Amino acid sequence: IDDDGAPLGLDSDLSLMKEPDHDRYELWLMDHFERTLGKPAIAFLDVSFEMYREKDVVVILVEPSARPVFLDEPKSPRTADFYVRMGNSTRKLLTDEYTDYARSRWK
């Protein structure tokens, strides 16, 4: 779904797969999340496929985590970066900023 709410669908993503189906796409997606977010974090994800305005889309529901979740960039050395959603943007926190944020968020 683009920024204006129009569905793009999964057709172009699925066309890149050797065997395009929802099960393999979900496996690929969860493997990607495991590599970038870690195994504990993917326990908070629920993946489903739905039709939206006649387009096949994936819906990912994310439960809040009681602990921080760090991000590693795909295909890069492990960095364990920490990001926070602020308004309509996502910001990477520096170590001192993370420390302050963590104290106020997780007690």
PDB file of N, CA and C in Angstrom:
ATOM      1  N   ILE A   1       0.870  -1.165   0.000  1.00  0.00           N
ATOM      2  CA  ILE A   1       0.000   0.000   0.000  1.00  0.00           C
ATOM      3  C   ILE A   1       0.911   1.220   0.000  1.00  0.00           C
ATOM      4  N   ASP A   2       0.669   2.162  -0.908  1.00  0.00           N
ATOM      5  CA  ASP A   2       1.540   3.326  -0.989  1.00  0.00           C
ATOM      6  C   ASP A   2       1.156   4.376   0.060  1.00  0.00           C
ATOM      7  N   ASP A   3       1.884   5.480   0.082  1.00  0.00           N
ATOM      8  CA  ASP A   3       1.658   6.518   1.087  1.00  0.00           C
ATOM      9  C   ASP A   3       0.287   7.173   0.979  1.00  0.00           C
ATOM     10  N   ASP A   4      -0.363   7.066  -0.167  1.00  0.00           N
ATOM     11  CA  ASP A   4      -1.689   7.637  -0.345  1.00  0.00           C
ATOM     12  C   ASP A   4      -2.812   6.640  -0.057  1.00  0.00           C
ATOM     13  N   GLY A   5      -2.439   5.417   0.362  1.00  0.00           N
ATOM     14  CA  GLY A   5      -3.430   4.412   0.710  1.00  0.00           C
ATOM     15  C   GLY A   5      -3.854   3.522  -0.442  1.00  0.00           C
ATOM     16  N   ALA A   6      -3.266   3.707  -1.611  1.00  0.00           N
ATOM     17  CA  ALA A   6      -3.616   2.875  -2.765  1.00  0.00           C
ATOM     18  C   ALA A   6      -2.856   1.546  -2.675  1.00  0.00           C
ATOM     19  N   PRO A   7      -3.568   0.445  -2.869  1.00  0.00           N
ATOM     20  CA  PRO A   7      -2.895  -0.854  -2.781  1.00  0.00           C
ATOM     21  C   PRO A   7      -2.008  -1.115  -3.994  1.00  0.00           C
ATOM     22  N   LEU A   8      -0.779  -1.547  -3.720  1.00  0.00           N
ATOM     23  CA  LEU A   8       0.131  -1.954  -4.789  1.00  0.00           C
ATOM     24  C   LEU A   8       0.055  -3.462  -4.980  1.00  0.00           C
ATOM     25  N   GLY A   9      -0.223  -4.177  -3.896  1.00  0.00           N
ATOM     26  CA  GLY A   9      -0.346  -5.620  -3.952  1.00  0.00           C
ATOM     27  C   GLY A   9       0.998  -6.325  -3.909  1.00  0.00           C
ATOM     28  N   LEU A  10       0.942  -7.638  -3.931  1.00  0.00           N
ATOM     29  CA  LEU A  10       2.134  -8.477  -3.811  1.00  0.00           C
ATOM     30  C   LEU A  10       2.593  -9.066  -5.138  1.00  0.00           C
ATOM     31  N   ASP A  11       1.903  -8.797  -6.227  1.00  0.00           N
ATOM     32  CA  ASP A  11       2.231  -9.438  -7.500  1.00  0.00           C
ATOM     33  C   ASP A  11       3.696  -9.270  -7.888  1.00  0.00           C
ATOM     34  N   SER A  12       4.235  -8.068  -7.794  1.00  0.00           N
ATOM     35  CA  SER A  12       5.631  -7.859  -8.207  1.00  0.00           C
ATOM     36  C   SER A  12       6.601  -8.576  -7.263  1.00  0.00           C
ATOM     37  N   ASP A  13       6.289  -8.620  -5.958  1.00  0.00           N
ATOM     38  CA  ASP A  13       7.136  -9.341  -5.003  1.00  0.00           C
ATOM     39  C   ASP A  13       7.098 -10.844  -5.273  1.00  0.00           C
ATOM     40  N   LEU A  14       5.895 -11.372  -5.441  1.00  0.00           N
ATOM     41  CA  LEU A  14       5.749 -12.803  -5.660  1.00  0.00           C
ATOM     42  C   LEU A  14       6.377 -13.240  -6.983  1.00  0.00           C
ATOM     43  N   SER A  15       6.388 -12.361  -7.978  1.00  0.00           N
ATOM     44  CA  SER A  15       6.958 -12.715  -9.284  1.00  0.00           C
ATOM     45  C   SER A  15       8.470 -12.947  -9.205  1.00  0.00           C
ATOM     46  N   LEU A  16       9.123 -12.447  -8.166  1.00  0.00           N
ATOM     47  CA  LEU A  16      10.566 -12.631  -8.000  1.00  0.00           C
ATOM     48  C   LEU A  16      10.918 -13.973  -7.368  1.00  0.00           C
ATOM     49  N   MET A  17       9.917 -14.680  -6.884  1.00  0.00           N
ATOM     50  CA  MET A  17      10.151 -15.943  -6.197  1.00  0.00           C
ATOM     51  C   MET A  17      10.124 -17.112  -7.171  1.00  0.00           C
ATOM     52  N   LYS A  18      10.949 -18.128  -6.870  1.00  0.00           N
ATOM     53  CA  LYS A  18      11.001 -19.330  -7.703  1.00  0.00           C
ATOM     54  C   LYS A  18       9.639 -20.014  -7.736  1.00  0.00           C
ATOM     55  N   GLU A  19       9.032 -20.149  -6.561  1.00  0.00           N
ATOM     56  CA  GLU A  19       7.686 -20.710  -6.452  1.00  0.00           C
ATOM     57  C   GLU A  19       6.826 -19.713  -5.675  1.00  0.00           C
ATOM     58  N   PRO A  20       6.106 -18.844  -6.378  1.00  0.00           N
ATOM     59  CA  PRO A  20       5.364 -17.761  -5.720  1.00  0.00           C
ATOM     60  C   PRO A  20       4.083 -18.225  -5.027  1.00  0.00           C
ATOM     61  N   ASP A  21       4.137 -18.265  -3.711  1.00  0.00           N
ATOM     62  CA  ASP A  21       2.922 -18.528  -2.936  1.00  0.00           C
ATOM     63  C   ASP A  21       3.061 -17.854  -1.571  1.00  0.00           C
ATOM     64  N   HIS A  22       1.954 -17.739  -0.885  1.00  0.00           N
ATOM     65  CA  HIS A  22       1.933 -17.027   0.399  1.00  0.00           C
ATOM     66  C   HIS A  22       2.809 -17.692   1.445  1.00  0.00           C
ATOM     67  N   ASP A  23       2.814 -19.015   1.485  1.00  0.00           N
ATOM     68  CA  ASP A  23       3.591 -19.721   2.499  1.00  0.00           C
ATOM     69  C   ASP A  23       5.084 -19.414   2.347  1.00  0.00           C
ATOM     70  N   ARG A  24       5.602 -19.513   1.136  1.00  0.00           N
ATOM     71  CA  ARG A  24       7.023 -19.223   0.914  1.00  0.00           C
ATOM     72  C   ARG A  24       7.329 -17.741   1.157  1.00  0.00           C
ATOM     73  N   TYR A  25       6.401 -16.877   0.783  1.00  0.00           N
ATOM     74  CA  TYR A  25       6.602 -15.452   1.023  1.00  0.00           C
ATOM     75  C   TYR A  25       6.673 -15.175   2.528  1.00  0.00           C
ATOM     76  N   GLU A  26       5.791 -15.788   3.293  1.00  0.00           N
ATOM     77  CA  GLU A  26       5.812 -15.602   4.748  1.00  0.00           C
ATOM     78  C   GLU A  26       7.110 -16.152   5.347  1.00  0.00           C
ATOM     79  N   LEU A  27       7.572 -17.301   4.864  1.00  0.00           N
ATOM     80  CA  LEU A  27       8.855 -17.840   5.333  1.00  0.00           C
ATOM     81  C   LEU A  27       9.996 -16.872   5.048  1.00  0.00           C
ATOM     82  N   TRP A  28      10.034 -16.335   3.825  1.00  0.00           N
ATOM     83  CA  TRP A  28      11.070 -15.361   3.463  1.00  0.00           C
ATOM     84  C   TRP A  28      10.985 -14.130   4.369  1.00  0.00           C
ATOM     85  N   LEU A  29       9.780 -13.623   4.577  1.00  0.00           N
ATOM     86  CA  LEU A  29       9.573 -12.435   5.394  1.00  0.00           C
ATOM     87  C   LEU A  29      10.026 -12.663   6.833  1.00  0.00           C
ATOM     88  N   MET A  30       9.645 -13.796   7.412  1.00  0.00           N
ATOM     89  CA  MET A  30      10.030 -14.092   8.794  1.00  0.00           C
ATOM     90  C   MET A  30      11.538 -14.319   8.915  1.00  0.00           C
ATOM     91  N   ASP A  31      12.156 -14.934   7.913  1.00  0.00           N
ATOM     92  CA  ASP A  31      13.618 -15.069   7.915  1.00  0.00           C
ATOM     93  C   ASP A  31      14.287 -13.698   7.888  1.00  0.00           C
ATOM     94  N   HIS A  32      13.740 -12.806   7.082  1.00  0.00           N
ATOM     95  CA  HIS A  32      14.280 -11.437   7.007  1.00  0.00           C
ATOM     96  C   HIS A  32      14.158 -10.739   8.372  1.00  0.00           C
ATOM     97  N   PHE A  33      13.003 -10.840   8.995  1.00  0.00           N
ATOM     98  CA  PHE A  33      12.810 -10.213  10.307  1.00  0.00           C
ATOM     99  C   PHE A  33      13.714 -10.845  11.361  1.00  0.00           C
ATOM    100  N   GLU A  34      13.909 -12.157  11.282  1.00  0.00           N
ATOM    101  CA  GLU A  34      14.797 -12.821  12.239  1.00  0.00           C
ATOM    102  C   GLU A  34      16.228 -12.295  12.100  1.00  0.00           C
ATOM    103  N   ARG A  35      16.711 -12.132  10.856  1.00  0.00           N
ATOM    104  CA  ARG A  35      18.069 -11.630  10.626  1.00  0.00           C
ATOM    105  C   ARG A  35      18.220 -10.179  11.072  1.00  0.00           C
ATOM    106  N   THR A  36      17.193  -9.374  10.921  1.00  0.00           N
ATOM    107  CA  THR A  36      17.318  -7.951  11.223  1.00  0.00           C
ATOM    108  C   THR A  36      16.877  -7.579  12.635  1.00  0.00           C
ATOM    109  N   LEU A  37      15.896  -8.298  13.197  1.00  0.00           N
ATOM    110  CA  LEU A  37      15.366  -7.956  14.522  1.00  0.00           C
ATOM    111  C   LEU A  37      15.713  -8.968  15.601  1.00  0.00           C
ATOM    112  N   GLY A  38      16.046 -10.189  15.210  1.00  0.00           N
ATOM    113  CA  GLY A  38      16.358 -11.235  16.175  1.00  0.00           C
ATOM    114  C   GLY A  38      15.163 -12.133  16.445  1.00  0.00           C
ATOM    115  N   LYS A  39      15.452 -13.352  16.890  1.00  0.00           N
ATOM    116  CA  LYS A  39      14.397 -14.335  17.140  1.00  0.00           C
ATOM    117  C   LYS A  39      13.387 -13.907  18.194  1.00  0.00           C
ATOM    118  N   PRO A  40      13.816 -13.332  19.330  1.00  0.00           N
ATOM    119  CA  PRO A  40      12.805 -12.954  20.333  1.00  0.00           C
ATOM    120  C   PRO A  40      11.757 -11.978  19.788  1.00  0.00           C
ATOM    121  N   ALA A  41      12.174 -11.065  18.917  1.00  0.00           N
ATOM    122  CA  ALA A  41      11.246 -10.042  18.415  1.00  0.00           C
ATOM    123  C   ALA A  41      10.192 -10.610  17.475  1.00  0.00           C
ATOM    124  N   ILE A  42      10.530 -11.654  16.718  1.00  0.00           N
ATOM    125  CA  ILE A  42       9.544 -12.146  15.754  1.00  0.00           C
ATOM    126  C   ILE A  42       8.377 -12.862  16.427  1.00  0.00           C
ATOM    127  N   ALA A  43       8.524 -13.166  17.710  1.00  0.00           N
ATOM    128  CA  ALA A  43       7.396 -13.735  18.451  1.00  0.00           C
ATOM    129  C   ALA A  43       6.249 -12.721  18.582  1.00  0.00           C
ATOM    130  N   PHE A  44       6.542 -11.446  18.380  1.00  0.00           N
ATOM    131  CA  PHE A  44       5.535 -10.387  18.508  1.00  0.00           C
ATOM    132  C   PHE A  44       4.876 -10.031  17.174  1.00  0.00           C
ATOM    133  N   LEU A  45       5.188 -10.795  16.114  1.00  0.00           N
ATOM    134  CA  LEU A  45       4.651 -10.512  14.777  1.00  0.00           C
ATOM    135  C   LEU A  45       3.606 -11.540  14.385  1.00  0.00           C
ATOM    136  N   ASP A  46       2.552 -11.071  13.745  1.00  0.00           N
ATOM    137  CA  ASP A  46       1.528 -11.956  13.194  1.00  0.00           C
ATOM    138  C   ASP A  46       1.323 -11.565  11.735  1.00  0.00           C
ATOM    139  N   VAL A  47       1.555 -12.514  10.839  1.00  0.00           N
ATOM    140  CA  VAL A  47       1.472 -12.251   9.396  1.00  0.00           C
ATOM    141  C   VAL A  47       0.216 -12.900   8.836  1.00  0.00           C
ATOM    142  N   SER A  48      -0.522 -12.142   8.022  1.00  0.00           N
ATOM    143  CA  SER A  48      -1.680 -12.703   7.320  1.00  0.00           C
ATOM    144  C   SER A  48      -1.756 -12.067   5.926  1.00  0.00           C
ATOM    145  N   PHE A  49      -2.531 -12.693   5.064  1.00  0.00           N
ATOM    146  CA  PHE A  49      -2.712 -12.204   3.699  1.00  0.00           C
ATOM    147  C   PHE A  49      -4.183 -11.911   3.491  1.00  0.00           C
ATOM    148  N   GLU A  50      -4.459 -10.756   2.884  1.00  0.00           N
ATOM    149  CA  GLU A  50      -5.846 -10.338   2.679  1.00  0.00           C
ATOM    150  C   GLU A  50      -5.979  -9.666   1.322  1.00  0.00           C
ATOM    151  N   MET A  51      -7.216  -9.586   0.866  1.00  0.00           N
ATOM    152  CA  MET A  51      -7.512  -8.824  -0.344  1.00  0.00           C
ATOM    153  C   MET A  51      -7.924  -7.417   0.090  1.00  0.00           C
ATOM    154  N   TYR A  52      -7.351  -6.421  -0.557  1.00  0.00           N
ATOM    155  CA  TYR A  52      -7.687  -5.025  -0.265  1.00  0.00           C
ATOM    156  C   TYR A  52      -7.851  -4.320  -1.605  1.00  0.00           C
ATOM    157  N   ARG A  53      -9.062  -3.870  -1.873  1.00  0.00           N
ATOM    158  CA  ARG A  53      -9.379  -3.220  -3.152  1.00  0.00           C
ATOM    159  C   ARG A  53      -8.886  -4.068  -4.332  1.00  0.00           C
ATOM    160  N   GLU A  54      -9.230  -5.344  -4.259  1.00  0.00           N
ATOM    161  CA  GLU A  54      -8.924  -6.309  -5.314  1.00  0.00           C
ATOM    162  C   GLU A  54      -7.424  -6.567  -5.504  1.00  0.00           C
ATOM    163  N   LYS A  55      -6.616  -6.248  -4.494  1.00  0.00           N
ATOM    164  CA  LYS A  55      -5.183  -6.533  -4.534  1.00  0.00           C
ATOM    165  C   LYS A  55      -4.833  -7.438  -3.360  1.00  0.00           C
ATOM    166  N   ASP A  56      -3.933  -8.366  -3.615  1.00  0.00           N
ATOM    167  CA  ASP A  56      -3.434  -9.279  -2.592  1.00  0.00           C
ATOM    168  C   ASP A  56      -2.360  -8.547  -1.782  1.00  0.00           C
ATOM    169  N   VAL A  57      -2.573  -8.372  -0.475  1.00  0.00           N
ATOM    170  CA  VAL A  57      -1.620  -7.656   0.376  1.00  0.00           C
ATOM    171  C   VAL A  57      -1.269  -8.510   1.595  1.00  0.00           C
ATOM    172  N   VAL A  58      -0.118  -8.199   2.198  1.00  0.00           N
ATOM    173  CA  VAL A  58       0.269  -8.853   3.440  1.00  0.00           C
ATOM    174  C   VAL A  58      -0.005  -7.875   4.577  1.00  0.00           C
ATOM    175  N   VAL A  59      -0.542  -8.382   5.673  1.00  0.00           N
ATOM    176  CA  VAL A  59      -0.824  -7.585   6.863  1.00  0.00           C
ATOM    177  C   VAL A  59       0.068  -8.105   7.978  1.00  0.00           C
ATOM    178  N   ILE A  60       0.825  -7.207   8.593  1.00  0.00           N
ATOM    179  CA  ILE A  60       1.709  -7.602   9.689  1.00  0.00           C
ATOM    180  C   ILE A  60       1.273  -6.854  10.935  1.00  0.00           C
ATOM    181  N   LEU A  61       0.778  -7.592  11.912  1.00  0.00           N
ATOM    182  CA  LEU A  61       0.394  -7.007  13.189  1.00  0.00           C
ATOM    183  C   LEU A  61       1.574  -7.157  14.136  1.00  0.00           C
ATOM    184  N   VAL A  62       1.927  -6.077  14.814  1.00  0.00           N
ATOM    185  CA  VAL A  62       3.080  -6.066  15.704  1.00  0.00           C
ATOM    186  C   VAL A  62       2.618  -5.754  17.119  1.00  0.00           C
ATOM    187  N   GLU A  63       2.839  -6.693  18.017  1.00  0.00           N
ATOM    188  CA  GLU A  63       2.510  -6.481  19.426  1.00  0.00           C
ATOM    189  C   GLU A  63       3.633  -5.680  20.076  1.00  0.00           C
ATOM    190  N   PRO A  64       3.312  -4.834  21.043  1.00  0.00           N
ATOM    191  CA  PRO A  64       4.384  -4.119  21.748  1.00  0.00           C
ATOM    192  C   PRO A  64       5.299  -5.094  22.487  1.00  0.00           C
ATOM    193  N   SER A  65       6.564  -4.775  22.535  1.00  0.00           N
ATOM    194  CA  SER A  65       7.529  -5.595  23.249  1.00  0.00           C
ATOM    195  C   SER A  65       7.773  -4.998  24.628  1.00  0.00           C
ATOM    196  N   ALA A  66       7.940  -5.862  25.601  1.00  0.00           N
ATOM    197  CA  ALA A  66       8.239  -5.397  26.962  1.00  0.00           C
ATOM    198  C   ALA A  66       9.715  -5.042  27.111  1.00  0.00           C
ATOM    199  N   ARG A  67      10.516  -5.391  26.095  1.00  0.00           N
ATOM    200  CA  ARG A  67      11.958  -5.113  26.125  1.00  0.00           C
ATOM    201  C   ARG A  67      12.357  -4.413  24.829  1.00  0.00           C
ATOM    202  N   PRO A  68      13.509  -3.756  24.823  1.00  0.00           N
ATOM    203  CA  PRO A  68      13.960  -3.099  23.593  1.00  0.00           C
ATOM    204  C   PRO A  68      14.227  -4.115  22.479  1.00  0.00           C
ATOM    205  N   VAL A  69      13.997  -3.690  21.249  1.00  0.00           N
ATOM    206  CA  VAL A  69      14.302  -4.496  20.072  1.00  0.00           C
ATOM    207  C   VAL A  69      15.303  -3.698  19.242  1.00  0.00           C
ATOM    208  N   PHE A  70      16.432  -4.319  18.935  1.00  0.00           N
ATOM    209  CA  PHE A  70      17.499  -3.658  18.187  1.00  0.00           C
ATOM    210  C   PHE A  70      17.499  -4.156  16.751  1.00  0.00           C
ATOM    211  N   LEU A  71      17.954  -3.311  15.845  1.00  0.00           N
ATOM    212  CA  LEU A  71      17.924  -3.608  14.424  1.00  0.00           C
ATOM    213  C   LEU A  71      19.330  -3.783  13.864  1.00  0.00           C
ATOM    214  N   ASP A  72      19.507  -4.822  13.072  1.00  0.00           N
ATOM    215  CA  ASP A  72      20.721  -5.011  12.290  1.00  0.00           C
ATOM    216  C   ASP A  72      20.338  -4.813  10.830  1.00  0.00           C
ATOM    217  N   GLU A  73      21.112  -4.023  10.107  1.00  0.00           N
ATOM    218  CA  GLU A  73      20.843  -3.815   8.689  1.00  0.00           C
ATOM    219  C   GLU A  73      21.022  -5.131   7.947  1.00  0.00           C
ATOM    220  N   PRO A  74      20.149  -5.415   6.968  1.00  0.00           N
ATOM    221  CA  PRO A  74      20.307  -6.655   6.212  1.00  0.00           C
ATOM    222  C   PRO A  74      21.658  -6.710   5.502  1.00  0.00           C
ATOM    223  N   LYS A  75      22.276  -7.884   5.501  1.00  0.00           N
ATOM    224  CA  LYS A  75      23.537  -8.133   4.801  1.00  0.00           C
ATOM    225  C   LYS A  75      24.666  -7.203   5.239  1.00  0.00           C
ATOM    226  N   SER A  76      24.646  -6.770   6.484  1.00  0.00           N
ATOM    227  CA  SER A  76      25.684  -5.901   7.037  1.00  0.00           C
ATOM    228  C   SER A  76      26.197  -6.500   8.336  1.00  0.00           C
ATOM    229  N   PRO A  77      27.349  -6.035   8.799  1.00  0.00           N
ATOM    230  CA  PRO A  77      27.820  -6.487  10.112  1.00  0.00           C
ATOM    231  C   PRO A  77      26.806  -6.116  11.191  1.00  0.00           C
ATOM    232  N   ARG A  78      26.797  -6.866  12.266  1.00  0.00           N
ATOM    233  CA  ARG A  78      25.851  -6.619  13.366  1.00  0.00           C
ATOM    234  C   ARG A  78      26.099  -5.246  13.984  1.00  0.00           C
ATOM    235  N   THR A  79      25.050  -4.425  14.039  1.00  0.00           N
ATOM    236  CA  THR A  79      25.174  -3.077  14.593  1.00  0.00           C
ATOM    237  C   THR A  79      24.264  -2.847  15.796  1.00  0.00           C
ATOM    238  N   ALA A  80      23.180  -3.608  15.892  1.00  0.00           N
ATOM    239  CA  ALA A  80      22.222  -3.474  17.000  1.00  0.00           C
ATOM    240  C   ALA A  80      21.819  -2.020  17.216  1.00  0.00           C
ATOM    241  N   ASP A  81      21.319  -1.397  16.158  1.00  0.00           N
ATOM    242  CA  ASP A  81      20.853  -0.015  16.244  1.00  0.00           C
ATOM    243  C   ASP A  81      19.465   0.031  16.877  1.00  0.00           C
ATOM    244  N   PHE A  82      19.142   1.181  17.467  1.00  0.00           N
ATOM    245  CA  PHE A  82      17.848   1.339  18.112  1.00  0.00           C
ATOM    246  C   PHE A  82      17.130   2.533  17.483  1.00  0.00           C
ATOM    247  N   TYR A  83      15.887   2.291  17.045  1.00  0.00           N
ATOM    248  CA  TYR A  83      15.090   3.320  16.389  1.00  0.00           C
ATOM    249  C   TYR A  83      13.811   3.575  17.176  1.00  0.00           C
ATOM    250  N   VAL A  84      13.330   4.820  17.102  1.00  0.00           N
ATOM    251  CA  VAL A  84      12.090   5.221  17.772  1.00  0.00           C
ATOM    252  C   VAL A  84      11.237   5.979  16.773  1.00  0.00           C
ATOM    253  N   ARG A  85       9.954   5.710  16.806  1.00  0.00           N
ATOM    254  CA  ARG A  85       9.014   6.453  15.960  1.00  0.00           C
ATOM    255  C   ARG A  85       8.707   7.763  16.665  1.00  0.00           C
ATOM    256  N   MET A  86       8.948   8.884  15.974  1.00  0.00           N
ATOM    257  CA  MET A  86       8.682  10.222  16.515  1.00  0.00           C
ATOM    258  C   MET A  86       7.823  10.972  15.502  1.00  0.00           C
ATOM    259  N   GLY A  87       6.557  11.144  15.853  1.00  0.00           N
ATOM    260  CA  GLY A  87       5.647  11.796  14.916  1.00  0.00           C
ATOM    261  C   GLY A  87       5.508  10.949  13.666  1.00  0.00           C
ATOM    262  N   ASN A  88       5.807  11.545  12.513  1.00  0.00           N
ATOM    263  CA  ASN A  88       5.671  10.806  11.259  1.00  0.00           C
ATOM    264  C   ASN A  88       7.012  10.322  10.712  1.00  0.00           C
ATOM    265  N   SER A  89       8.030  10.242  11.579  1.00  0.00           N
ATOM    266  CA  SER A  89       9.339   9.776  11.127  1.00  0.00           C
ATOM    267  C   SER A  89       9.930   8.772  12.121  1.00  0.00           C
ATOM    268  N   THR A  90      10.903   8.027  11.649  1.00  0.00           N
ATOM    269  CA  THR A  90      11.607   7.063  12.485  1.00  0.00           C
ATOM    270  C   THR A  90      13.028   7.562  12.662  1.00  0.00           C
ATOM    271  N   ARG A  91      13.489   7.624  13.911  1.00  0.00           N
ATOM    272  CA  ARG A  91      14.806   8.194  14.207  1.00  0.00           C
ATOM    273  C   ARG A  91      15.688   7.188  14.924  1.00  0.00           C
ATOM    274  N   LYS A  92      16.956   7.148  14.512  1.00  0.00           N
ATOM    275  CA  LYS A  92      17.947   6.312  15.177  1.00  0.00           C
ATOM    276  C   LYS A  92      18.462   7.067  16.393  1.00  0.00           C
ATOM    277  N   LEU A  93      18.480   6.393  17.551  1.00  0.00           N
ATOM    278  CA  LEU A  93      18.975   7.021  18.766  1.00  0.00           C
ATOM    279  C   LEU A  93      20.445   6.689  18.966  1.00  0.00           C
ATOM    280  N   LEU A  94      21.200   7.669  19.414  1.00  0.00           N
ATOM    281  CA  LEU A  94      22.577   7.450  19.815  1.00  0.00           C
ATOM    282  C   LEU A  94      22.579   6.787  21.187  1.00  0.00           C
ATOM    283  N   THR A  95      23.716   6.308  21.621  1.00  0.00           N
ATOM    284  CA  THR A  95      23.795   5.555  22.880  1.00  0.00           C
ATOM    285  C   THR A  95      23.254   6.339  24.055  1.00  0.00           C
ATOM    286  N   ASP A  96      23.644   7.602  24.220  1.00  0.00           N
ATOM    287  CA  ASP A  96      23.158   8.384  25.357  1.00  0.00           C
ATOM    288  C   ASP A  96      21.662   8.657  25.245  1.00  0.00           C
ATOM    289  N   GLU A  97      21.174   8.872  24.027  1.00  0.00           N
ATOM    290  CA  GLU A  97      19.740   9.092  23.822  1.00  0.00           C
ATOM    291  C   GLU A  97      18.958   7.818  24.135  1.00  0.00           C
ATOM    292  N   TYR A  98      19.507   6.662  23.721  1.00  0.00           N
ATOM    293  CA  TYR A  98      18.849   5.393  24.015  1.00  0.00           C
ATOM    294  C   TYR A  98      18.745   5.176  25.520  1.00  0.00           C
ATOM    295  N   THR A  99      19.809   5.477  26.240  1.00  0.00           N
ATOM    296  CA  THR A  99      19.817   5.279  27.691  1.00  0.00           C
ATOM    297  C   THR A  99      18.692   6.080  28.343  1.00  0.00           C
ATOM    298  N   ASP A 100      18.548   7.335  27.975  1.00  0.00           N
ATOM    299  CA  ASP A 100      17.469   8.165  28.521  1.00  0.00           C
ATOM    300  C   ASP A 100      16.099   7.611  28.126  1.00  0.00           C
ATOM    301  N   TYR A 101      15.966   7.235  26.872  1.00  0.00           N
ATOM    302  CA  TYR A 101      14.692   6.703  26.388  1.00  0.00           C
ATOM    303  C   TYR A 101      14.333   5.417  27.134  1.00  0.00           C
ATOM    304  N   ALA A 102      15.301   4.506  27.269  1.00  0.00           N
ATOM    305  CA  ALA A 102      15.045   3.226  27.929  1.00  0.00           C
ATOM    306  C   ALA A 102      14.624   3.414  29.380  1.00  0.00           C
ATOM    307  N   ARG A 103      15.243   4.351  30.067  1.00  0.00           N
ATOM    308  CA  ARG A 103      14.864   4.611  31.469  1.00  0.00           C
ATOM    309  C   ARG A 103      13.427   5.070  31.586  1.00  0.00           C
ATOM    310  N   SER A 104      12.963   5.875  30.607  1.00  0.00           N
ATOM    311  CA  SER A 104      11.602   6.380  30.693  1.00  0.00           C
ATOM    312  C   SER A 104      10.577   5.367  30.153  1.00  0.00           C
ATOM    313  N   ARG A 105      10.991   4.477  29.255  1.00  0.00           N
ATOM    314  CA  ARG A 105      10.075   3.542  28.603  1.00  0.00           C
ATOM    315  C   ARG A 105       9.917   2.235  29.354  1.00  0.00           C
ATOM    316  N   TRP A 106      11.032   1.657  29.791  1.00  0.00           N
ATOM    317  CA  TRP A 106      11.025   0.351  30.469  1.00  0.00           C
ATOM    318  C   TRP A 106      11.541   0.526  31.883  1.00  0.00           C
ATOM    319  N   LYS A 107      10.649   0.299  32.837  1.00  0.00           N
ATOM    320  CA  LYS A 107      11.022   0.509  34.248  1.00  0.00           C
ATOM    321  C   LYS A 107      11.204  -0.799  34.948  1.00  0.00           C
TER     322      LYS A 107
END
